[in-house]
Amino acid sequence: MILYRTEAGAVIATEDGLFPIDREWHELVNDDALHATLAAHCAAIPPVPALAPAVSRPLAPIGVKQELWAAGVTWFRSRAARIEESESAGGGDFYSRVYDAERPELFLKATPQRVVGPGESLHLRRDSAWIVPEPELVLAITRRGRIVGWTIGNDLSCRDIEGENPLYLPQAKTFARCAALGPGLLVSTAPPPATTEIRLAIERAGARVFAGAARLARMKRRPEELVDFLFRDNSHPEGCLLMTGTGIVPPSGFSLQAGDLVSIAIDGIGTLENPVR
């Protein structure tokens, strides 16, 4: 089942139809037994198909007091890209060491006001000339550290800023409209299988200018491992979301341009589309 956050409230979508649920978003995403709660709710009421328009325009599945965190260098392709972009600045070795280390790279990606939902525009930072999307599986985590859902994320990244100096990572990653989430949370008793494919497509003036795909089996870090480090000596009272890293990176000569359309699809969750401005 998919849990959507909409202007009309939370909506559950199953094969049987759509089911509104009258609970605040922050309560739902902090329910450690979320799948059982949603299943029981759907079994108790009939579906309401009239809510389809609301679900077709969902909001980003992040609460107003939640944080969006991210993990870096969790795929070999990401490791290679980071080494490439920072080699001239002497930082290439850092990323190779992080890829092989016990401790993962974790950083605060965005607060809710910097996150957009499906159909909303991402922002190109004005002082960067090399900006790429990073398609990622995103974990929805309760305040007690339990993974209760999965969604799609776009970690917009300024490769030239980060490559100039690894210490510039916050500026390369965090700015207005720097991340997209959606369309909803996959809530299941099991995570997406390792064979699940993430697909990225970028269109420019109606033509596809880049496409790539990667399977979750190629991700080095386990989600539970990332969550364990995220909660070490840290608290997330409203729960949080965690981007798990990317295995798809456009070639070094490619940068997003105003007017581009970025589409990220993950089987079982849906497709996240965002224009770039």
C-alpha atoms as a PDB file:
ATOM      1  CA  MET A   1       0.000   0.000   0.000  1.00  0.00           C
ATOM      2  CA  ILE A   2       1.003   3.611  -0.575  1.00  0.00           C
ATOM      3  CA  LEU A   3       0.408   6.352   1.982  1.00  0.00           C
ATOM      4  CA  TYR A   4      -0.025   9.800   0.451  1.00  0.00           C
ATOM      5  CA  ARG A   5       0.144  13.187   2.127  1.00  0.00           C
ATOM      6  CA  THR A   6      -2.314  15.546   0.415  1.00  0.00           C
ATOM      7  CA  GLU A   7      -3.974  18.874   1.080  1.00  0.00           C
ATOM      8  CA  ALA A   8      -7.095  16.894   1.978  1.00  0.00           C
ATOM      9  CA  GLY A   9      -5.184  14.858   4.563  1.00  0.00           C
ATOM     10  CA  ALA A  10      -3.558  11.443   4.515  1.00  0.00           C
ATOM     11  CA  VAL A  11      -4.831   8.908   1.978  1.00  0.00           C
ATOM     12  CA  ILE A  12      -4.039   5.196   1.677  1.00  0.00           C
ATOM     13  CA  ALA A  13      -4.007   3.658  -1.791  1.00  0.00           C
ATOM     14  CA  THR A  14      -4.372  -0.109  -2.201  1.00  0.00           C
ATOM     15  CA  GLU A  15      -5.471  -2.426  -4.998  1.00  0.00           C
ATOM     16  CA  ASP A  16      -8.998  -2.064  -3.605  1.00  0.00           C
ATOM     17  CA  GLY A  17      -9.129   1.719  -3.875  1.00  0.00           C
ATOM     18  CA  LEU A  18      -8.457   4.852  -1.831  1.00  0.00           C
ATOM     19  CA  PHE A  19      -9.003   5.205   1.906  1.00  0.00           C
ATOM     20  CA  PRO A  20      -8.795   8.536   3.744  1.00  0.00           C
ATOM     21  CA  ILE A  21      -7.435   8.296   7.275  1.00  0.00           C
ATOM     22  CA  ASP A  22      -8.169  10.974   9.846  1.00  0.00           C
ATOM     23  CA  ARG A  23      -4.838  11.100  11.651  1.00  0.00           C
ATOM     24  CA  GLU A  24      -2.139  13.727  11.611  1.00  0.00           C
ATOM     25  CA  TRP A  25       0.833  12.964   9.374  1.00  0.00           C
ATOM     26  CA  HIS A  26       3.359  13.121  12.206  1.00  0.00           C
ATOM     27  CA  GLU A  27       1.328  10.553  14.151  1.00  0.00           C
ATOM     28  CA  LEU A  28       1.192   8.149  11.228  1.00  0.00           C
ATOM     29  CA  VAL A  29       4.874   8.258  10.323  1.00  0.00           C
ATOM     30  CA  ASN A  30       5.858   7.701  13.960  1.00  0.00           C
ATOM     31  CA  ASP A  31       3.694   4.593  14.321  1.00  0.00           C
ATOM     32  CA  ASP A  32       6.096   1.646  14.643  1.00  0.00           C
ATOM     33  CA  ALA A  33       3.248  -0.667  13.569  1.00  0.00           C
ATOM     34  CA  LEU A  34       2.241   1.528  10.624  1.00  0.00           C
ATOM     35  CA  HIS A  35       1.492  -1.282   8.170  1.00  0.00           C
ATOM     36  CA  ALA A  36      -0.803  -3.055  10.636  1.00  0.00           C
ATOM     37  CA  THR A  37      -2.512   0.228  11.505  1.00  0.00           C
ATOM     38  CA  LEU A  38      -3.201   1.083   7.864  1.00  0.00           C
ATOM     39  CA  ALA A  39      -4.328  -2.449   7.005  1.00  0.00           C
ATOM     40  CA  ALA A  40      -6.808  -2.473   9.874  1.00  0.00           C
ATOM     41  CA  HIS A  41      -8.145   0.913   8.851  1.00  0.00           C
ATOM     42  CA  CYS A  42      -8.685  -0.165   5.236  1.00  0.00           C
ATOM     43  CA  ALA A  43     -10.475  -3.305   6.384  1.00  0.00           C
ATOM     44  CA  ALA A  44     -12.898  -1.274   8.493  1.00  0.00           C
ATOM     45  CA  ILE A  45     -14.147   1.253   5.913  1.00  0.00           C
ATOM     46  CA  PRO A  46     -15.120   1.195   2.218  1.00  0.00           C
ATOM     47  CA  PRO A  47     -12.873   2.850  -0.378  1.00  0.00           C
ATOM     48  CA  VAL A  48     -13.641   6.393  -1.566  1.00  0.00           C
ATOM     49  CA  PRO A  49     -12.680   6.703  -5.272  1.00  0.00           C
ATOM     50  CA  ALA A  50     -13.682  10.408  -5.362  1.00  0.00           C
ATOM     51  CA  LEU A  51     -10.357  11.269  -3.713  1.00  0.00           C
ATOM     52  CA  ALA A  52      -8.406  10.411  -6.870  1.00  0.00           C
ATOM     53  CA  PRO A  53      -7.704  14.080  -7.806  1.00  0.00           C
ATOM     54  CA  ALA A  54      -6.126  14.698  -4.414  1.00  0.00           C
ATOM     55  CA  VAL A  55      -3.828  11.703  -4.780  1.00  0.00           C
ATOM     56  CA  SER A  56      -2.834  12.794  -8.293  1.00  0.00           C
ATOM     57  CA  ARG A  57      -1.328  15.941  -6.706  1.00  0.00           C
ATOM     58  CA  PRO A  58       0.283  14.677  -3.499  1.00  0.00           C
ATOM     59  CA  LEU A  59       2.501  16.752  -1.245  1.00  0.00           C
ATOM     60  CA  ALA A  60       6.036  15.789  -0.311  1.00  0.00           C
ATOM     61  CA  PRO A  61       5.761  13.002   2.309  1.00  0.00           C
ATOM     62  CA  ILE A  62       7.619  14.910   5.014  1.00  0.00           C
ATOM     63  CA  GLY A  63       6.174  16.424   8.167  1.00  0.00           C
ATOM     64  CA  VAL A  64       6.583  20.104   8.998  1.00  0.00           C
ATOM     65  CA  LYS A  65       8.930  19.297  11.910  1.00  0.00           C
ATOM     66  CA  GLN A  66      10.891  16.484  10.296  1.00  0.00           C
ATOM     67  CA  GLU A  67      14.405  16.565   8.861  1.00  0.00           C
ATOM     68  CA  LEU A  68      15.670  15.040   5.631  1.00  0.00           C
ATOM     69  CA  TRP A  69      19.082  13.407   6.038  1.00  0.00           C
ATOM     70  CA  ALA A  70      21.256  11.769   3.402  1.00  0.00           C
ATOM     71  CA  ALA A  71      23.971   9.144   3.094  1.00  0.00           C
ATOM     72  CA  GLY A  72      26.818   9.538   0.635  1.00  0.00           C
ATOM     73  CA  VAL A  73      29.175   7.207  -1.215  1.00  0.00           C
ATOM     74  CA  THR A  74      27.010   4.138  -0.638  1.00  0.00           C
ATOM     75  CA  TRP A  75      27.302   2.934  -4.253  1.00  0.00           C
ATOM     76  CA  PHE A  76      30.484   2.279  -6.241  1.00  0.00           C
ATOM     77  CA  ARG A  77      29.286   4.622  -9.022  1.00  0.00           C
ATOM     78  CA  SER A  78      28.903   7.443  -6.514  1.00  0.00           C
ATOM     79  CA  ARG A  79      32.377   6.751  -5.140  1.00  0.00           C
ATOM     80  CA  ALA A  80      33.867   6.990  -8.633  1.00  0.00           C
ATOM     81  CA  ALA A  81      32.032  10.242  -9.388  1.00  0.00           C
ATOM     82  CA  ARG A  82      33.123  11.898  -6.146  1.00  0.00           C
ATOM     83  CA  ILE A  83      36.759  10.926  -6.729  1.00  0.00           C
ATOM     84  CA  GLU A  84      36.569  12.332 -10.257  1.00  0.00           C
ATOM     85  CA  GLU A  85      35.075  15.673  -9.270  1.00  0.00           C
ATOM     86  CA  SER A  86      37.428  16.316  -6.338  1.00  0.00           C
ATOM     87  CA  GLU A  87      40.703  14.859  -7.619  1.00  0.00           C
ATOM     88  CA  SER A  88      42.183  18.221  -8.620  1.00  0.00           C
ATOM     89  CA  ALA A  89      41.447  19.584  -5.140  1.00  0.00           C
ATOM     90  CA  GLY A  90      43.207  16.679  -3.456  1.00  0.00           C
ATOM     91  CA  GLY A  91      40.043  15.261  -1.925  1.00  0.00           C
ATOM     92  CA  GLY A  92      39.592  12.162  -4.050  1.00  0.00           C
ATOM     93  CA  ASP A  93      41.060   9.818  -1.457  1.00  0.00           C
ATOM     94  CA  PHE A  94      38.470  10.887   1.123  1.00  0.00           C
ATOM     95  CA  TYR A  95      35.634   9.284  -0.821  1.00  0.00           C
ATOM     96  CA  SER A  96      37.450   6.027  -1.417  1.00  0.00           C
ATOM     97  CA  ARG A  97      38.157   5.779   2.314  1.00  0.00           C
ATOM     98  CA  VAL A  98      34.513   6.500   3.195  1.00  0.00           C
ATOM     99  CA  TYR A  99      33.281   3.823   0.794  1.00  0.00           C
ATOM    100  CA  ASP A 100      35.435   1.194   2.535  1.00  0.00           C
ATOM    101  CA  ALA A 101      35.075   2.477   6.102  1.00  0.00           C
ATOM    102  CA  GLU A 102      32.822   1.103   8.806  1.00  0.00           C
ATOM    103  CA  ARG A 103      31.324   4.567   9.422  1.00  0.00           C
ATOM    104  CA  PRO A 104      29.134   5.907   6.576  1.00  0.00           C
ATOM    105  CA  GLU A 105      28.927   9.492   5.401  1.00  0.00           C
ATOM    106  CA  LEU A 106      25.759  11.078   6.801  1.00  0.00           C
ATOM    107  CA  PHE A 107      24.684  14.698   6.505  1.00  0.00           C
ATOM    108  CA  LEU A 108      21.630  16.878   7.004  1.00  0.00           C
ATOM    109  CA  LYS A 109      20.223  17.413   3.508  1.00  0.00           C
ATOM    110  CA  ALA A 110      17.223  19.662   4.048  1.00  0.00           C
ATOM    111  CA  THR A 111      14.532  20.989   6.321  1.00  0.00           C
ATOM    112  CA  PRO A 112      10.898  20.724   5.127  1.00  0.00           C
ATOM    113  CA  GLN A 113      10.769  24.231   3.630  1.00  0.00           C
ATOM    114  CA  ARG A 114      13.634  23.280   1.290  1.00  0.00           C
ATOM    115  CA  VAL A 115      11.863  20.127   0.029  1.00  0.00           C
ATOM    116  CA  VAL A 116       9.437  20.021  -2.902  1.00  0.00           C
ATOM    117  CA  GLY A 117       6.859  17.418  -3.839  1.00  0.00           C
ATOM    118  CA  PRO A 118       5.797  15.849  -7.133  1.00  0.00           C
ATOM    119  CA  GLY A 119       5.378  18.366  -9.947  1.00  0.00           C
ATOM    120  CA  GLU A 120       7.018  21.204  -8.029  1.00  0.00           C
ATOM    121  CA  SER A 121      10.136  22.863  -9.384  1.00  0.00           C
ATOM    122  CA  LEU A 122      13.655  22.245  -8.149  1.00  0.00           C
ATOM    123  CA  HIS A 123      16.080  25.175  -7.969  1.00  0.00           C
ATOM    124  CA  LEU A 124      19.387  25.549  -9.800  1.00  0.00           C
ATOM    125  CA  ARG A 125      21.890  27.244  -7.534  1.00  0.00           C
ATOM    126  CA  ARG A 126      23.150  30.407  -9.244  1.00  0.00           C
ATOM    127  CA  ASP A 127      26.801  30.032  -8.257  1.00  0.00           C
ATOM    128  CA  SER A 128      27.116  26.490  -9.603  1.00  0.00           C
ATOM    129  CA  ALA A 129      27.707  25.437 -13.215  1.00  0.00           C
ATOM    130  CA  TRP A 130      27.622  21.653 -12.672  1.00  0.00           C
ATOM    131  CA  ILE A 131      24.380  20.492 -11.068  1.00  0.00           C
ATOM    132  CA  VAL A 132      22.985  16.972 -11.324  1.00  0.00           C
ATOM    133  CA  PRO A 133      20.033  15.051  -9.919  1.00  0.00           C
ATOM    134  CA  GLU A 134      20.729  12.064  -7.691  1.00  0.00           C
ATOM    135  CA  PRO A 135      17.911   9.482  -7.694  1.00  0.00           C
ATOM    136  CA  GLU A 136      17.645   7.667  -4.378  1.00  0.00           C
ATOM    137  CA  LEU A 137      15.571   5.298  -2.302  1.00  0.00           C
ATOM    138  CA  VAL A 138      14.462   7.163   0.831  1.00  0.00           C
ATOM    139  CA  LEU A 139      13.640   5.629   4.215  1.00  0.00           C
ATOM    140  CA  ALA A 140      10.829   6.905   6.457  1.00  0.00           C
ATOM    141  CA  ILE A 141      11.961   6.344  10.032  1.00  0.00           C
ATOM    142  CA  THR A 142      10.013   6.716  13.280  1.00  0.00           C
ATOM    143  CA  ARG A 143      11.296   8.604  16.304  1.00  0.00           C
ATOM    144  CA  ARG A 144      12.364   5.242  17.760  1.00  0.00           C
ATOM    145  CA  GLY A 145      14.468   4.371  14.720  1.00  0.00           C
ATOM    146  CA  ARG A 146      12.132   1.913  12.990  1.00  0.00           C
ATOM    147  CA  ILE A 147      11.850   1.957   9.179  1.00  0.00           C
ATOM    148  CA  VAL A 148       8.135   2.047   8.334  1.00  0.00           C
ATOM    149  CA  GLY A 149       8.115   3.247   4.727  1.00  0.00           C
ATOM    150  CA  TRP A 150      10.056   3.903   1.554  1.00  0.00           C
ATOM    151  CA  THR A 151       9.761   6.679  -1.006  1.00  0.00           C
ATOM    152  CA  ILE A 152      11.666   8.268  -3.903  1.00  0.00           C
ATOM    153  CA  GLY A 153      14.088  11.150  -3.494  1.00  0.00           C
ATOM    154  CA  ASN A 154      16.038  13.524  -5.710  1.00  0.00           C
ATOM    155  CA  ASP A 155      19.172  14.794  -3.988  1.00  0.00           C
ATOM    156  CA  LEU A 156      20.055  17.789  -6.160  1.00  0.00           C
ATOM    157  CA  SER A 157      23.837  18.244  -5.997  1.00  0.00           C
ATOM    158  CA  CYS A 158      26.331  20.883  -7.126  1.00  0.00           C
ATOM    159  CA  ARG A 159      29.285  18.762  -8.177  1.00  0.00           C
ATOM    160  CA  ASP A 160      31.606  21.674  -8.899  1.00  0.00           C
ATOM    161  CA  ILE A 161      31.146  23.190  -5.432  1.00  0.00           C
ATOM    162  CA  GLU A 162      31.696  19.894  -3.621  1.00  0.00           C
ATOM    163  CA  GLY A 163      34.589  19.034  -5.932  1.00  0.00           C
ATOM    164  CA  GLU A 164      36.343  22.323  -5.213  1.00  0.00           C
ATOM    165  CA  ASN A 165      36.643  21.347  -1.563  1.00  0.00           C
ATOM    166  CA  PRO A 166      34.859  18.581   0.397  1.00  0.00           C
ATOM    167  CA  LEU A 167      34.313  21.090   3.211  1.00  0.00           C
ATOM    168  CA  TYR A 168      31.877  22.902   0.905  1.00  0.00           C
ATOM    169  CA  LEU A 169      29.462  19.943   1.067  1.00  0.00           C
ATOM    170  CA  PRO A 170      26.696  21.868   2.918  1.00  0.00           C
ATOM    171  CA  GLN A 171      26.666  24.536   0.193  1.00  0.00           C
ATOM    172  CA  ALA A 172      26.737  21.920  -2.556  1.00  0.00           C
ATOM    173  CA  LYS A 173      23.803  20.044  -1.065  1.00  0.00           C
ATOM    174  CA  THR A 174      21.596  22.397   0.951  1.00  0.00           C
ATOM    175  CA  PHE A 175      19.849  25.405  -0.583  1.00  0.00           C
ATOM    176  CA  ALA A 176      16.348  26.499  -1.617  1.00  0.00           C
ATOM    177  CA  ARG A 177      14.354  23.677  -3.279  1.00  0.00           C
ATOM    178  CA  CYS A 178      17.348  21.362  -3.213  1.00  0.00           C
ATOM    179  CA  ALA A 179      15.439  18.115  -2.763  1.00  0.00           C
ATOM    180  CA  ALA A 180      12.291  16.406  -3.981  1.00  0.00           C
ATOM    181  CA  LEU A 181      10.345  13.592  -2.313  1.00  0.00           C
ATOM    182  CA  GLY A 182       7.357  11.507  -3.353  1.00  0.00           C
ATOM    183  CA  PRO A 183       4.918  10.645  -4.613  1.00  0.00           C
ATOM    184  CA  GLY A 184       4.040   8.667  -1.460  1.00  0.00           C
ATOM    185  CA  LEU A 185       5.330   6.204   1.113  1.00  0.00           C
ATOM    186  CA  LEU A 186       5.372   2.516   0.269  1.00  0.00           C
ATOM    187  CA  VAL A 187       4.237   0.839   3.488  1.00  0.00           C
ATOM    188  CA  SER A 188       4.892  -2.883   3.504  1.00  0.00           C
ATOM    189  CA  THR A 189       5.898  -5.722   5.814  1.00  0.00           C
ATOM    190  CA  ALA A 190       9.116  -6.102   3.813  1.00  0.00           C
ATOM    191  CA  PRO A 191      11.503  -3.634   2.149  1.00  0.00           C
ATOM    192  CA  PRO A 192      11.765  -3.358  -1.633  1.00  0.00           C
ATOM    193  CA  PRO A 193      13.662  -6.450  -2.879  1.00  0.00           C
ATOM    194  CA  ALA A 194      17.278  -6.189  -3.971  1.00  0.00           C
ATOM    195  CA  THR A 195      16.175  -6.682  -7.578  1.00  0.00           C
ATOM    196  CA  THR A 196      14.216  -3.408  -7.453  1.00  0.00           C
ATOM    197  CA  GLU A 197      15.367  -0.967 -10.114  1.00  0.00           C
ATOM    198  CA  ILE A 198      15.759   2.792  -9.782  1.00  0.00           C
ATOM    199  CA  ARG A 199      15.385   4.594 -13.116  1.00  0.00           C
ATOM    200  CA  LEU A 200      16.350   8.175 -13.969  1.00  0.00           C
ATOM    201  CA  ALA A 201      15.317  10.089 -17.097  1.00  0.00           C
ATOM    202  CA  ILE A 202      16.027  13.731 -17.964  1.00  0.00           C
ATOM    203  CA  GLU A 203      14.164  15.524 -20.750  1.00  0.00           C
ATOM    204  CA  ARG A 204      15.165  18.801 -22.371  1.00  0.00           C
ATOM    205  CA  ALA A 205      12.942  20.576 -24.891  1.00  0.00           C
ATOM    206  CA  GLY A 206      10.901  17.392 -25.277  1.00  0.00           C
ATOM    207  CA  ALA A 207      13.896  15.125 -25.982  1.00  0.00           C
ATOM    208  CA  ARG A 208      15.510  12.669 -23.602  1.00  0.00           C
ATOM    209  CA  VAL A 209      19.102  13.773 -22.892  1.00  0.00           C
ATOM    210  CA  PHE A 210      20.013  11.231 -20.220  1.00  0.00           C
ATOM    211  CA  ALA A 211      18.710   7.948 -18.865  1.00  0.00           C
ATOM    212  CA  GLY A 212      20.148   5.458 -16.414  1.00  0.00           C
ATOM    213  CA  ALA A 213      19.145   2.619 -14.117  1.00  0.00           C
ATOM    214  CA  ALA A 214      20.557   0.746 -11.130  1.00  0.00           C
ATOM    215  CA  ARG A 215      19.316  -2.099  -8.934  1.00  0.00           C
ATOM    216  CA  LEU A 216      19.263  -1.891  -5.137  1.00  0.00           C
ATOM    217  CA  ALA A 217      21.466  -4.993  -4.972  1.00  0.00           C
ATOM    218  CA  ARG A 218      24.410  -2.796  -5.952  1.00  0.00           C
ATOM    219  CA  MET A 219      24.105  -0.569  -2.868  1.00  0.00           C
ATOM    220  CA  LYS A 220      26.921  -1.366  -0.439  1.00  0.00           C
ATOM    221  CA  ARG A 221      25.347  -0.156   2.808  1.00  0.00           C
ATOM    222  CA  ARG A 222      22.313  -1.827   4.367  1.00  0.00           C
ATOM    223  CA  PRO A 223      19.464   0.542   5.344  1.00  0.00           C
ATOM    224  CA  GLU A 224      19.523  -0.733   8.935  1.00  0.00           C
ATOM    225  CA  GLU A 225      23.226   0.075   9.149  1.00  0.00           C
ATOM    226  CA  LEU A 226      22.622   3.653   8.005  1.00  0.00           C
ATOM    227  CA  VAL A 227      19.759   4.101  10.481  1.00  0.00           C
ATOM    228  CA  ASP A 228      21.906   2.766  13.317  1.00  0.00           C
ATOM    229  CA  PHE A 229      24.558   5.423  12.678  1.00  0.00           C
ATOM    230  CA  LEU A 230      21.937   8.141  12.145  1.00  0.00           C
ATOM    231  CA  PHE A 231      20.493   7.547  15.614  1.00  0.00           C
ATOM    232  CA  ARG A 232      23.806   7.189  17.451  1.00  0.00           C
ATOM    233  CA  ASP A 233      23.935   9.897  20.115  1.00  0.00           C
ATOM    234  CA  ASN A 234      21.221  11.749  18.202  1.00  0.00           C
ATOM    235  CA  SER A 235      17.467  12.029  18.477  1.00  0.00           C
ATOM    236  CA  HIS A 236      14.718  12.655  15.947  1.00  0.00           C
ATOM    237  CA  PRO A 237      11.635  13.471  18.055  1.00  0.00           C
ATOM    238  CA  GLU A 238       9.301  13.744  15.040  1.00  0.00           C
ATOM    239  CA  GLY A 239      10.915  10.946  13.059  1.00  0.00           C
ATOM    240  CA  CYS A 240      12.933  11.673   9.936  1.00  0.00           C
ATOM    241  CA  LEU A 241      13.662  10.637   6.366  1.00  0.00           C
ATOM    242  CA  LEU A 242      16.984   9.345   5.073  1.00  0.00           C
ATOM    243  CA  MET A 243      18.209   9.332   1.482  1.00  0.00           C
ATOM    244  CA  THR A 244      20.327   6.219   0.981  1.00  0.00           C
ATOM    245  CA  GLY A 245      22.663   7.363  -1.810  1.00  0.00           C
ATOM    246  CA  THR A 246      22.720   7.125  -5.577  1.00  0.00           C
ATOM    247  CA  GLY A 247      23.976   4.589  -8.066  1.00  0.00           C
ATOM    248  CA  ILE A 248      23.186   6.725 -11.140  1.00  0.00           C
ATOM    249  CA  VAL A 249      25.368   9.714 -11.977  1.00  0.00           C
ATOM    250  CA  PRO A 250      25.272  11.545 -15.345  1.00  0.00           C
ATOM    251  CA  PRO A 251      28.621  11.881 -17.167  1.00  0.00           C
ATOM    252  CA  SER A 252      31.034  14.655 -16.194  1.00  0.00           C
ATOM    253  CA  GLY A 253      30.053  16.882 -19.123  1.00  0.00           C
ATOM    254  CA  PHE A 254      26.375  16.954 -18.151  1.00  0.00           C
ATOM    255  CA  SER A 255      24.627  19.612 -16.067  1.00  0.00           C
ATOM    256  CA  LEU A 256      20.952  20.344 -15.550  1.00  0.00           C
ATOM    257  CA  GLN A 257      19.520  23.411 -17.268  1.00  0.00           C
ATOM    258  CA  ALA A 258      16.460  25.525 -16.580  1.00  0.00           C
ATOM    259  CA  GLY A 259      13.448  23.904 -18.206  1.00  0.00           C
ATOM    260  CA  ASP A 260      14.671  20.316 -17.809  1.00  0.00           C
ATOM    261  CA  LEU A 261      12.254  17.687 -16.502  1.00  0.00           C
ATOM    262  CA  VAL A 262      13.656  15.059 -14.132  1.00  0.00           C
ATOM    263  CA  SER A 263      11.791  11.761 -13.674  1.00  0.00           C
ATOM    264  CA  ILE A 264      12.751   9.105 -11.128  1.00  0.00           C
ATOM    265  CA  ALA A 265      10.869   5.804 -10.954  1.00  0.00           C
ATOM    266  CA  ILE A 266      11.118   2.965  -8.452  1.00  0.00           C
ATOM    267  CA  ASP A 267       9.039  -0.157  -8.943  1.00  0.00           C
ATOM    268  CA  GLY A 268       6.358  -0.494  -6.300  1.00  0.00           C
ATOM    269  CA  ILE A 269       6.489   3.184  -5.294  1.00  0.00           C
ATOM    270  CA  GLY A 270       5.777   5.165  -8.460  1.00  0.00           C
ATOM    271  CA  THR A 271       7.369   8.043 -10.337  1.00  0.00           C
ATOM    272  CA  LEU A 272       8.636  11.381  -9.028  1.00  0.00           C
ATOM    273  CA  GLU A 273       8.691  14.126 -11.668  1.00  0.00           C
ATOM    274  CA  ASN A 274      10.035  17.623 -11.158  1.00  0.00           C
ATOM    275  CA  PRO A 275      10.831  20.492 -13.530  1.00  0.00           C
ATOM    276  CA  VAL A 276      14.012  22.461 -12.955  1.00  0.00           C
ATOM    277  CA  ARG A 277      14.077  26.245 -12.725  1.00  0.00           C
END
